[in-house]
Amino acid sequence: MKLLVDMNLSPSWVDVIKQAGFDAIHWSDIGDPRATDQEIMEWAKFQGCIVFTHDLDFGAILAATKSDSPSVIQIRTQDINPHHIGDFVISAIKKFQDYLIKGAIISVDEKRARARILPLNE
């Protein structure tokens, strides 16, 4: 399982994710920093990556397109520092790993994590 860390999250997330035993890359290492969310989604889908973001637009794209991939993990908290919420995010990734592999959107805040299977239904 490989995670693509979006531009709105610090590259330090890559190390946190790798230390947990998952593969990760930051978008700034492979793509144009001005790329649209749609371009990032297409790249992630083609490469078999899960998008890790703080941007709600990725969930909106999944809802609008009714796509079953790529999976998306959204942090839904103000403090997105990996030192603050990193352990909880990693536990959510592990908890929902099977869903993420099949296609899901995972929302993580400071108190809970939720999963919705893709494609999203109204």
Protein backbone atom coordinates (compact mmCIF):
# COMPACT_ATOMS: atom_id res chain seq x y z
CA MET A 1 0.00 0.00 0.00
CA LYS A 2 1.48 3.33 -1.13
CA LEU A 3 0.29 6.75 0.02
CA LEU A 4 0.61 9.93 -1.98
CA VAL A 5 0.93 12.86 0.42
CA ASP A 6 -0.79 15.96 -0.97
CA MET A 7 0.86 19.38 -1.17
CA ASN A 8 -1.25 20.71 1.69
CA LEU A 9 0.49 18.34 4.11
CA SER A 10 4.09 18.57 5.25
CA PRO A 11 6.67 16.30 3.62
CA SER A 12 7.46 15.14 7.19
CA TRP A 13 4.35 12.93 6.90
CA VAL A 14 6.31 10.71 4.50
CA ASP A 15 8.71 9.64 7.25
CA VAL A 16 5.87 9.06 9.73
CA ILE A 17 4.06 6.84 7.23
CA LYS A 18 7.21 4.95 6.28
CA GLN A 19 8.11 4.36 9.94
CA ALA A 20 4.68 2.70 10.30
CA GLY A 21 5.60 0.24 7.55
CA PHE A 22 3.81 1.79 4.58
CA ASP A 23 5.27 3.29 1.43
CA ALA A 24 4.77 7.02 0.87
CA ILE A 25 5.82 9.85 -1.40
CA HIS A 26 5.10 13.58 -1.28
CA TRP A 27 3.55 15.15 -4.38
CA SER A 28 6.31 17.80 -4.43
CA ASP A 29 8.83 15.03 -5.16
CA ILE A 30 7.04 13.79 -8.28
CA GLY A 31 4.61 16.37 -9.62
CA ASP A 32 3.94 19.98 -10.38
CA PRO A 33 3.11 21.84 -7.15
CA ARG A 34 0.42 23.73 -9.09
CA ALA A 35 -1.27 20.55 -10.34
CA THR A 36 -5.03 20.42 -9.98
CA ASP A 37 -6.69 18.01 -7.59
CA GLN A 38 -8.06 16.15 -10.61
CA GLU A 39 -4.53 15.69 -12.00
CA ILE A 40 -3.33 14.37 -8.65
CA MET A 41 -6.30 11.98 -8.46
CA GLU A 42 -5.62 10.67 -11.98
CA TRP A 43 -1.94 10.14 -11.20
CA ALA A 44 -2.74 8.35 -7.95
CA LYS A 45 -5.28 6.11 -9.65
CA PHE A 46 -2.87 5.20 -12.44
CA GLN A 47 -0.06 4.50 -9.95
CA GLY A 48 -2.25 2.60 -7.48
CA CYS A 49 -1.69 5.12 -4.68
CA ILE A 50 -3.94 6.30 -1.88
CA VAL A 51 -4.26 10.08 -1.64
CA PHE A 52 -3.52 11.48 1.83
CA THR A 53 -4.77 15.04 2.20
CA HIS A 54 -6.26 17.84 4.27
CA ASP A 55 -8.29 19.01 1.26
CA LEU A 56 -12.01 18.15 1.15
CA ASP A 57 -12.06 18.56 -2.63
CA PHE A 58 -10.79 15.02 -3.15
CA GLY A 59 -13.87 13.59 -1.47
CA ALA A 60 -16.03 15.91 -3.57
CA ILE A 61 -14.37 14.63 -6.74
CA LEU A 62 -15.05 11.04 -5.69
CA ALA A 63 -18.68 11.88 -4.97
CA ALA A 64 -19.19 13.76 -8.24
CA THR A 65 -17.57 11.10 -10.40
CA LYS A 66 -18.88 8.11 -8.44
CA SER A 67 -15.41 6.63 -8.92
CA ASP A 68 -14.23 3.58 -7.00
CA SER A 69 -10.61 4.76 -6.84
CA PRO A 70 -8.24 6.06 -5.74
CA SER A 71 -8.85 5.73 -2.04
CA VAL A 72 -8.51 8.94 -0.05
CA ILE A 73 -7.54 9.64 3.56
CA GLN A 74 -8.66 13.07 4.77
CA ILE A 75 -7.45 14.76 7.93
CA ARG A 76 -10.35 16.81 9.30
CA THR A 77 -8.67 18.80 12.04
CA GLN A 78 -6.99 22.19 12.30
CA ASP A 79 -3.67 20.89 13.64
CA ILE A 80 -2.32 18.69 10.83
CA ASN A 81 1.15 18.33 12.31
CA PRO A 82 2.20 14.67 12.34
CA HIS A 83 3.48 15.09 15.91
CA HIS A 84 -0.06 16.05 16.96
CA ILE A 85 -2.24 13.56 15.08
CA GLY A 86 0.25 11.16 13.47
CA ASP A 87 -0.30 8.20 15.79
CA PHE A 88 -4.07 8.40 15.38
CA VAL A 89 -3.80 8.66 11.59
CA ILE A 90 -1.51 5.63 11.45
CA SER A 91 -3.88 3.62 13.65
CA ALA A 92 -6.77 4.57 11.32
CA ILE A 93 -4.76 3.49 8.27
CA LYS A 94 -4.07 0.14 9.91
CA LYS A 95 -7.67 -0.26 11.06
CA PHE A 96 -9.11 0.46 7.61
CA GLN A 97 -6.30 -1.01 5.51
CA ASP A 98 -8.52 -3.60 3.82
CA TYR A 99 -11.07 -0.93 2.92
CA LEU A 100 -8.36 1.34 1.54
CA ILE A 101 -7.03 -1.44 -0.67
CA LYS A 102 -10.51 -2.09 -2.10
CA GLY A 103 -11.54 1.57 -2.39
CA ALA A 104 -12.64 3.88 0.42
CA ILE A 105 -12.54 7.37 1.78
CA ILE A 106 -11.32 7.61 5.36
CA SER A 107 -11.97 10.76 7.41
CA VAL A 108 -9.81 11.26 10.48
CA ASP A 109 -10.28 13.90 13.15
CA GLU A 110 -8.88 14.15 16.65
CA LYS A 111 -11.48 11.82 18.17
CA ARG A 112 -12.49 9.29 15.54
CA ALA A 113 -11.96 7.86 12.09
CA ARG A 114 -14.73 6.86 9.71
CA ALA A 115 -14.71 4.88 6.49
CA ARG A 116 -17.01 5.05 3.49
CA ILE A 117 -16.74 2.46 0.77
CA LEU A 118 -16.31 3.66 -2.81
CA PRO A 119 -18.09 4.50 -4.97
CA LEU A 120 -19.94 7.01 -2.79
CA ASN A 121 -23.72 6.79 -3.02
CA GLU A 122 -26.05 9.71 -2.42
